[in-house]
Amino acid sequence: MSAAGSQALVSALEIVVVLVLSGVGTWWVIRRERRAPSSYSRRPDVLAGWHAMSAAEQEDVDTASLDLAEQAEIDARADAVDAAGVLAVETAARINVLHHP
């Protein structure tokens, strides 16, 4: 086998090894995540109040949180519109003063 052929074989083997290792690593991470999800705390004191609520109460809390977030977004948009209006008036006044002394 020539030097170029053996070098190509080594490169191909390196690619295969990397792909196999990344596949095994992905499988391992998914397996761990399914056994112990990282999306919520495993501490019992953190979720004790949540688990004590009925499904209807949990839904009410979720709905209230979403409503607060939506209202905050609406308020932020309104504030941005107000600020843009004030900026437009101030800019127009400055332009008027500069061009009409």
Protein backbone atom coordinates (compact mmCIF):
# COMPACT_ATOMS: atom_id res chain seq x y z
CA MET A 1 0.00 0.00 0.00
CA SER A 2 1.34 3.42 -0.87
CA ALA A 3 1.89 6.24 1.62
CA ALA A 4 -1.02 8.23 0.19
CA GLY A 5 -3.33 5.20 0.37
CA SER A 6 -2.40 4.44 3.96
CA GLN A 7 -2.85 8.10 4.90
CA ALA A 8 -6.34 8.09 3.33
CA LEU A 9 -7.17 4.91 5.23
CA VAL A 10 -6.06 6.51 8.51
CA SER A 11 -8.17 9.60 7.76
CA ALA A 12 -11.19 7.42 6.99
CA LEU A 13 -10.68 5.44 10.20
CA GLU A 14 -10.39 8.66 12.20
CA ILE A 15 -13.70 9.87 10.76
CA VAL A 16 -15.38 6.55 11.59
CA VAL A 17 -14.01 6.61 15.14
CA VAL A 18 -15.24 10.19 15.67
CA LEU A 19 -18.70 9.29 14.35
CA VAL A 20 -18.93 6.19 16.56
CA LEU A 21 -17.79 8.13 19.64
CA SER A 22 -20.26 10.93 18.97
CA GLY A 23 -23.06 8.38 18.52
CA VAL A 24 -22.19 6.68 21.81
CA GLY A 25 -21.95 10.05 23.54
CA THR A 26 -25.33 11.14 22.21
CA TRP A 27 -26.91 7.86 23.33
CA TRP A 28 -25.36 8.27 26.81
CA VAL A 29 -26.60 11.86 27.22
CA ILE A 30 -30.12 10.98 26.07
CA ARG A 31 -30.18 8.01 28.43
CA ARG A 32 -29.10 10.17 31.39
CA GLU A 33 -31.60 12.90 30.50
CA ARG A 34 -34.47 10.41 30.38
CA ARG A 35 -33.55 9.00 33.78
CA ALA A 36 -33.00 12.36 35.49
CA PRO A 37 -34.33 15.31 33.47
CA SER A 38 -32.38 18.51 33.93
CA SER A 39 -35.36 20.71 33.07
CA TYR A 40 -36.64 20.80 36.64
CA SER A 41 -35.25 20.52 40.11
CA ARG A 42 -35.09 17.14 41.81
CA ARG A 43 -35.15 18.78 45.25
CA PRO A 44 -38.44 17.91 46.94
CA ASP A 45 -38.75 21.27 48.71
CA VAL A 46 -38.68 23.19 45.42
CA LEU A 47 -41.62 21.39 43.84
CA ALA A 48 -43.54 20.41 46.98
CA GLY A 49 -46.01 23.29 46.65
CA TRP A 50 -46.50 22.56 42.96
CA HIS A 51 -47.20 18.87 43.52
CA ALA A 52 -49.64 19.71 46.32
CA MET A 53 -51.82 21.70 43.89
CA SER A 54 -54.59 20.11 41.88
CA ALA A 55 -54.36 20.08 38.10
CA ALA A 56 -56.86 22.94 37.90
CA GLU A 57 -54.79 25.06 40.30
CA GLN A 58 -51.61 24.32 38.33
CA GLU A 59 -53.40 25.36 35.16
CA ASP A 60 -54.55 28.59 36.83
CA VAL A 61 -50.99 29.38 37.94
CA ASP A 62 -49.66 28.67 34.44
CA THR A 63 -52.36 30.82 32.85
CA ALA A 64 -51.67 33.68 35.25
CA SER A 65 -47.93 33.50 34.48
CA LEU A 66 -48.58 33.53 30.75
CA ASP A 67 -51.01 36.43 31.13
CA LEU A 68 -48.40 38.42 33.07
CA ALA A 69 -45.79 37.74 30.41
CA GLU A 70 -48.19 38.74 27.64
CA GLN A 71 -49.14 41.95 29.46
CA ALA A 72 -45.46 42.79 29.99
CA GLU A 73 -44.87 42.35 26.27
CA ILE A 74 -47.84 44.57 25.42
CA ASP A 75 -46.62 47.23 27.87
CA ALA A 76 -43.10 47.10 26.42
CA ARG A 77 -44.47 47.60 22.90
CA ALA A 78 -46.62 50.52 24.04
CA ASP A 79 -43.63 52.11 25.81
CA ALA A 80 -41.54 51.70 22.66
CA VAL A 81 -44.24 53.35 20.54
CA ASP A 82 -44.50 56.24 23.03
CA ALA A 83 -40.73 56.67 23.08
CA ALA A 84 -40.58 56.65 19.29
CA GLY A 85 -43.31 59.31 19.18
CA VAL A 86 -41.48 61.53 21.64
CA LEU A 87 -38.22 61.07 19.73
CA ALA A 88 -39.95 61.96 16.45
CA VAL A 89 -41.40 65.16 17.94
CA GLU A 90 -38.05 66.16 19.47
CA THR A 91 -36.24 65.47 16.19
CA ALA A 92 -38.79 67.47 14.22
CA ALA A 93 -38.44 70.36 16.69
CA ARG A 94 -34.63 70.30 16.41
CA ILE A 95 -34.82 70.26 12.62
CA ASN A 96 -37.31 73.12 12.69
CA VAL A 97 -35.08 75.19 14.97
CA LEU A 98 -32.01 74.54 12.81
CA HIS A 99 -33.70 75.48 9.55
CA HIS A 100 -35.94 78.31 10.80
CA PRO A 101 -33.95 80.45 13.22
